[in-house]
Amino acid sequence: MVIRLLHRAGLRSIHFHVASLFTISLCVGLWVRAKTVDQSQRGNAERRALFVGLWPPTMWLIGESLRDVE
């Protein structure tokens, strides 16, 4: 049902596959940035990078589900 709503809204599988690749690069960027902050801020910055690192599989699987609808 959610996938059909996304498809009706005009979103296609390529949009989510590109978003997945973007979130991988965002995660790496946040991880590299976490290494440049001082020690008191590093834990929060690393947790942020790990949180964003959980998004790519979700985005990719939503894209695969949309591909089945297309």
Protein backbone atom coordinates (compact mmCIF):
# COMPACT_ATOMS: atom_id res chain seq x y z
CA MET A 1 0.00 0.00 0.00
CA VAL A 2 2.74 2.47 0.91
CA ILE A 3 4.70 1.52 -2.19
CA ARG A 4 1.69 2.16 -4.41
CA LEU A 5 1.18 5.55 -2.75
CA LEU A 6 4.82 6.43 -3.44
CA HIS A 7 4.40 5.32 -7.05
CA ARG A 8 1.25 7.41 -7.45
CA ALA A 9 3.09 10.39 -5.97
CA GLY A 10 5.54 10.18 -8.87
CA LEU A 11 8.49 8.58 -7.11
CA ARG A 12 10.33 5.90 -9.05
CA SER A 13 12.87 3.26 -8.10
CA ILE A 14 15.77 5.28 -9.48
CA HIS A 15 14.99 8.06 -7.02
CA PHE A 16 15.43 5.74 -4.06
CA HIS A 17 18.50 4.03 -5.50
CA VAL A 18 20.18 7.41 -5.95
CA ALA A 19 19.08 8.43 -2.45
CA SER A 20 20.65 5.25 -1.12
CA LEU A 21 23.98 6.04 -2.76
CA PHE A 22 23.76 9.62 -1.50
CA THR A 23 23.20 8.49 2.07
CA ILE A 24 26.27 6.25 1.86
CA SER A 25 28.37 9.25 0.88
CA LEU A 26 26.69 11.34 3.58
CA CYS A 27 27.53 8.71 6.17
CA VAL A 28 31.17 8.61 5.10
CA GLY A 29 31.30 12.42 5.14
CA LEU A 30 29.86 12.56 8.64
CA TRP A 31 32.27 9.88 9.80
CA VAL A 32 35.27 11.77 8.43
CA ARG A 33 33.98 14.97 10.00
CA ALA A 34 33.61 13.15 13.34
CA LYS A 35 37.35 12.52 13.31
CA THR A 36 38.05 16.26 13.05
CA VAL A 37 35.99 17.45 16.05
CA ASP A 38 37.34 17.56 19.59
CA GLN A 39 37.05 14.56 21.88
CA SER A 40 34.02 15.82 23.83
CA GLN A 41 31.92 16.11 20.63
CA ARG A 42 33.26 13.01 18.88
CA GLY A 43 30.82 10.49 20.38
CA ASN A 44 27.78 12.43 19.25
CA ALA A 45 29.23 12.96 15.77
CA GLU A 46 30.02 9.25 15.39
CA ARG A 47 26.51 8.27 16.52
CA ARG A 48 25.08 10.63 13.93
CA ALA A 49 27.19 8.99 11.21
CA LEU A 50 26.10 5.51 12.31
CA PHE A 51 22.45 6.57 12.37
CA VAL A 52 22.67 7.87 8.80
CA GLY A 53 24.51 4.66 7.89
CA LEU A 54 21.32 2.72 8.62
CA TRP A 55 19.38 4.51 5.89
CA PRO A 56 20.94 3.08 2.66
CA PRO A 57 19.54 -0.46 2.94
CA THR A 58 16.09 0.92 3.65
CA MET A 59 16.23 3.29 0.69
CA TRP A 60 17.53 0.53 -1.58
CA LEU A 61 14.79 -1.91 -0.57
CA ILE A 62 12.09 0.70 -1.09
CA GLY A 63 13.57 1.26 -4.56
CA GLU A 64 13.47 -2.46 -5.27
CA SER A 65 9.83 -2.62 -4.17
CA LEU A 66 9.00 0.29 -6.46
CA ARG A 67 10.76 -1.49 -9.30
CA ASP A 68 8.33 -4.41 -8.86
CA VAL A 69 5.38 -2.00 -9.16
CA GLU A 70 6.82 -0.33 -12.27
